[in-house]
């Protein structure tokens, strides 16, 4: 299991483990991928409703999922010539 170390961000609730969910970033100790949280929010689900549907989550889990997603898409991606 790997904790994520992202410069300037405290993401101690997100881990990556090749043995859990195919190595996807997940919330620590849970088999809930960060991508699920992001998809729920993108579909219009309110944080309160997510927490109600997933009582094992805390608000900080959702916050860090959003921070991770924002960091991921802000990274520079360079195309490779074919």
N, C-alpha and C. Protein backbone atom coordinates (compact mmCIF):
# COMPACT_ATOMS: atom_id res chain seq x y z
N UNK A 1 0.85 -1.17 0.00
CA UNK A 1 0.00 0.00 0.00
C UNK A 1 0.89 1.23 0.00
N UNK A 2 0.51 2.21 -0.80
CA UNK A 2 1.27 3.45 -0.90
C UNK A 2 0.39 4.62 -0.51
N UNK A 3 0.87 5.45 0.42
CA UNK A 3 0.21 6.71 0.69
C UNK A 3 0.65 7.68 -0.38
N UNK A 4 -0.22 8.58 -0.76
CA UNK A 4 0.13 9.55 -1.79
C UNK A 4 0.85 10.74 -1.19
N UNK A 5 1.94 11.12 -1.80
CA UNK A 5 2.68 12.30 -1.40
C UNK A 5 2.64 13.26 -2.58
N UNK A 6 1.83 14.29 -2.43
CA UNK A 6 1.65 15.28 -3.49
C UNK A 6 2.09 16.62 -2.92
N UNK A 7 2.98 17.29 -3.63
CA UNK A 7 3.55 18.52 -3.10
C UNK A 7 2.46 19.51 -2.72
N UNK A 8 2.54 19.98 -1.49
CA UNK A 8 1.62 20.99 -0.99
C UNK A 8 0.26 20.47 -0.56
N UNK A 9 -0.04 19.20 -0.78
CA UNK A 9 -1.33 18.66 -0.39
C UNK A 9 -1.18 17.58 0.66
N UNK A 10 -2.10 17.58 1.58
CA UNK A 10 -2.15 16.52 2.59
C UNK A 10 -3.21 15.53 2.13
N UNK A 11 -2.77 14.41 1.59
CA UNK A 11 -3.69 13.39 1.10
C UNK A 11 -3.47 12.08 1.85
N UNK A 12 -3.60 12.15 3.15
CA UNK A 12 -3.34 10.98 3.98
C UNK A 12 -4.49 9.98 4.00
N UNK A 13 -5.60 10.31 3.36
CA UNK A 13 -6.74 9.40 3.32
C UNK A 13 -6.85 8.65 2.00
N UNK A 14 -5.91 8.90 1.09
CA UNK A 14 -5.94 8.25 -0.21
C UNK A 14 -4.71 7.36 -0.35
N UNK A 15 -4.94 6.12 -0.72
CA UNK A 15 -3.84 5.17 -0.89
C UNK A 15 -3.97 4.47 -2.24
N UNK A 16 -2.86 3.89 -2.65
CA UNK A 16 -2.84 3.06 -3.85
C UNK A 16 -2.18 1.75 -3.48
N UNK A 17 -2.85 0.67 -3.77
CA UNK A 17 -2.34 -0.66 -3.46
C UNK A 17 -2.61 -1.55 -4.67
N UNK A 18 -1.56 -2.10 -5.27
CA UNK A 18 -1.77 -2.95 -6.44
C UNK A 18 -2.70 -4.14 -6.16
N UNK A 19 -2.85 -4.51 -4.90
CA UNK A 19 -3.69 -5.65 -4.52
C UNK A 19 -5.15 -5.25 -4.25
N UNK A 20 -5.45 -3.95 -4.28
CA UNK A 20 -6.81 -3.48 -3.96
C UNK A 20 -7.35 -2.68 -5.14
N UNK A 21 -8.48 -3.09 -5.67
CA UNK A 21 -9.14 -2.38 -6.76
C UNK A 21 -8.22 -2.11 -7.94
N UNK A 22 -7.35 -3.05 -8.23
CA UNK A 22 -6.46 -2.93 -9.37
C UNK A 22 -5.47 -1.78 -9.28
N UNK A 23 -5.20 -1.32 -8.06
CA UNK A 23 -4.23 -0.25 -7.88
C UNK A 23 -4.80 1.15 -8.03
N UNK A 24 -6.11 1.25 -8.21
CA UNK A 24 -6.73 2.57 -8.31
C UNK A 24 -6.56 3.34 -6.99
N UNK A 25 -6.47 4.66 -7.04
CA UNK A 25 -6.47 5.43 -5.80
C UNK A 25 -7.80 5.20 -5.07
N UNK A 26 -7.70 4.77 -3.81
CA UNK A 26 -8.88 4.48 -3.00
C UNK A 26 -8.78 5.22 -1.67
N UNK A 27 -9.91 5.32 -1.02
CA UNK A 27 -9.92 5.90 0.32
C UNK A 27 -9.36 4.87 1.29
N UNK A 28 -8.48 5.35 2.13
CA UNK A 28 -7.69 4.50 3.03
C UNK A 28 -8.56 3.54 3.83
N UNK A 29 -8.21 2.26 3.72
CA UNK A 29 -8.90 1.22 4.48
C UNK A 29 -10.24 0.80 3.89
N UNK A 30 -10.59 1.38 2.75
CA UNK A 30 -11.88 1.07 2.12
C UNK A 30 -11.66 0.68 0.67
N UNK A 31 -12.59 -0.03 0.13
CA UNK A 31 -12.54 -0.36 -1.30
C UNK A 31 -13.44 0.60 -2.06
N UNK A 32 -13.27 1.86 -1.77
CA UNK A 32 -14.03 2.91 -2.45
C UNK A 32 -13.03 3.75 -3.24
N UNK A 33 -13.07 3.64 -4.58
CA UNK A 33 -12.12 4.41 -5.37
C UNK A 33 -12.46 5.89 -5.40
N UNK A 34 -11.42 6.70 -5.48
CA UNK A 34 -11.59 8.15 -5.59
C UNK A 34 -12.48 8.47 -6.78
N UNK A 35 -12.32 7.72 -7.87
CA UNK A 35 -13.10 7.99 -9.08
C UNK A 35 -14.61 7.89 -8.83
N UNK A 36 -15.03 6.99 -7.94
CA UNK A 36 -16.45 6.89 -7.62
C UNK A 36 -16.97 8.17 -7.00
N UNK A 37 -16.21 8.71 -6.05
CA UNK A 37 -16.62 9.94 -5.37
C UNK A 37 -16.73 11.07 -6.40
N UNK A 38 -15.74 11.18 -7.28
CA UNK A 38 -15.74 12.24 -8.29
C UNK A 38 -16.93 12.08 -9.24
N UNK A 39 -17.21 10.85 -9.66
CA UNK A 39 -18.34 10.61 -10.55
C UNK A 39 -19.67 10.95 -9.88
N UNK A 40 -19.80 10.63 -8.61
CA UNK A 40 -21.04 10.96 -7.89
C UNK A 40 -21.24 12.47 -7.82
N UNK A 41 -20.19 13.20 -7.51
CA UNK A 41 -20.29 14.66 -7.44
C UNK A 41 -20.58 15.24 -8.82
N UNK A 42 -19.90 14.71 -9.84
CA UNK A 42 -20.11 15.20 -11.21
C UNK A 42 -21.54 14.96 -11.69
N UNK A 43 -22.17 13.92 -11.18
CA UNK A 43 -23.56 13.63 -11.58
C UNK A 43 -24.57 14.46 -10.79
N UNK A 44 -24.07 15.31 -9.88
CA UNK A 44 -24.97 16.20 -9.15
C UNK A 44 -25.28 15.79 -7.74
N UNK A 45 -24.70 14.72 -7.28
CA UNK A 45 -24.96 14.25 -5.92
C UNK A 45 -24.31 15.18 -4.91
N UNK A 46 -25.04 15.56 -3.90
CA UNK A 46 -24.52 16.43 -2.84
C UNK A 46 -23.65 15.63 -1.88
N UNK A 47 -22.68 16.31 -1.28
CA UNK A 47 -21.76 15.64 -0.35
C UNK A 47 -22.54 14.98 0.78
N UNK A 48 -23.55 15.66 1.29
CA UNK A 48 -24.34 15.12 2.39
C UNK A 48 -25.00 13.79 1.98
N UNK A 49 -25.47 13.72 0.74
CA UNK A 49 -26.11 12.50 0.25
C UNK A 49 -25.09 11.38 0.09
N UNK A 50 -23.89 11.72 -0.36
CA UNK A 50 -22.84 10.71 -0.48
C UNK A 50 -22.50 10.14 0.89
N UNK A 51 -22.36 11.02 1.87
CA UNK A 51 -22.04 10.57 3.23
C UNK A 51 -23.17 9.71 3.81
N UNK A 52 -24.39 10.03 3.44
CA UNK A 52 -25.53 9.23 3.91
C UNK A 52 -25.52 7.85 3.24
N UNK A 53 -25.22 7.82 1.95
CA UNK A 53 -25.19 6.54 1.21
C UNK A 53 -23.99 5.67 1.58
N UNK A 54 -22.91 6.31 1.99
CA UNK A 54 -21.67 5.60 2.35
C UNK A 54 -21.28 6.03 3.78
N UNK A 55 -21.92 5.49 4.79
CA UNK A 55 -21.70 5.94 6.17
C UNK A 55 -20.28 5.72 6.68
N UNK A 56 -19.49 4.89 6.00
CA UNK A 56 -18.10 4.68 6.40
C UNK A 56 -17.21 5.84 5.98
N UNK A 57 -17.72 6.72 5.13
CA UNK A 57 -16.96 7.90 4.69
C UNK A 57 -17.12 9.06 5.64
N UNK A 58 -16.13 9.93 5.63
CA UNK A 58 -16.20 11.19 6.36
C UNK A 58 -16.07 12.32 5.35
N UNK A 59 -16.48 13.50 5.73
CA UNK A 59 -16.41 14.65 4.82
C UNK A 59 -14.99 14.88 4.31
N UNK A 60 -13.99 14.65 5.15
CA UNK A 60 -12.60 14.83 4.75
C UNK A 60 -12.21 13.87 3.63
N UNK A 61 -12.81 12.67 3.59
CA UNK A 61 -12.56 11.73 2.50
C UNK A 61 -12.99 12.33 1.16
N UNK A 62 -14.16 12.94 1.15
CA UNK A 62 -14.68 13.56 -0.07
C UNK A 62 -13.80 14.76 -0.45
N UNK A 63 -13.42 15.55 0.51
CA UNK A 63 -12.58 16.73 0.25
C UNK A 63 -11.24 16.30 -0.36
N UNK A 64 -10.61 15.30 0.21
CA UNK A 64 -9.33 14.86 -0.32
C UNK A 64 -9.48 14.21 -1.70
N UNK A 65 -10.61 13.56 -1.95
CA UNK A 65 -10.86 13.00 -3.28
C UNK A 65 -10.91 14.12 -4.32
N UNK A 66 -11.57 15.21 -3.98
CA UNK A 66 -11.64 16.36 -4.89
C UNK A 66 -10.26 17.00 -5.07
N UNK A 67 -9.51 17.12 -3.99
CA UNK A 67 -8.16 17.69 -4.09
C UNK A 67 -7.27 16.82 -4.98
N UNK A 68 -7.37 15.51 -4.82
CA UNK A 68 -6.58 14.60 -5.64
C UNK A 68 -6.96 14.74 -7.11
N UNK A 69 -8.26 14.79 -7.39
CA UNK A 69 -8.72 14.92 -8.78
C UNK A 69 -8.23 16.23 -9.38
N UNK A 70 -8.31 17.30 -8.62
CA UNK A 70 -7.85 18.60 -9.12
C UNK A 70 -6.35 18.56 -9.40
N UNK A 71 -5.59 17.94 -8.52
CA UNK A 71 -4.15 17.83 -8.73
C UNK A 71 -3.85 16.99 -9.97
N UNK A 72 -4.58 15.90 -10.14
CA UNK A 72 -4.35 15.01 -11.27
C UNK A 72 -4.55 15.72 -12.61
N UNK A 73 -5.62 16.47 -12.73
CA UNK A 73 -5.89 17.13 -14.01
C UNK A 73 -5.05 18.38 -14.22
N UNK A 74 -4.40 18.86 -13.17
CA UNK A 74 -3.55 20.04 -13.33
C UNK A 74 -2.12 19.68 -13.73
N UNK A 75 -1.81 18.40 -13.69
CA UNK A 75 -0.48 17.97 -14.10
C UNK A 75 -0.33 18.15 -15.61
N UNK A 76 0.84 18.50 -16.02
CA UNK A 76 1.11 18.73 -17.43
C UNK A 76 1.27 17.37 -18.14
N UNK A 77 0.54 17.23 -19.23
CA UNK A 77 0.63 16.01 -20.03
C UNK A 77 1.20 16.38 -21.38
N UNK A 78 2.27 15.71 -21.75
CA UNK A 78 2.92 15.99 -23.03
C UNK A 78 2.62 14.85 -24.00
N UNK A 79 2.13 15.19 -25.19
CA UNK A 79 1.86 14.12 -26.16
C UNK A 79 3.16 13.55 -26.71
N UNK A 80 3.15 12.28 -26.95
CA UNK A 80 4.30 11.61 -27.56
C UNK A 80 4.06 11.48 -29.05
N UNK A 81 5.05 11.85 -29.86
CA UNK A 81 4.86 11.70 -31.30
C UNK A 81 4.78 10.22 -31.68
N UNK A 82 3.93 9.92 -32.62
CA UNK A 82 3.77 8.53 -33.06
C UNK A 82 4.69 8.20 -34.20
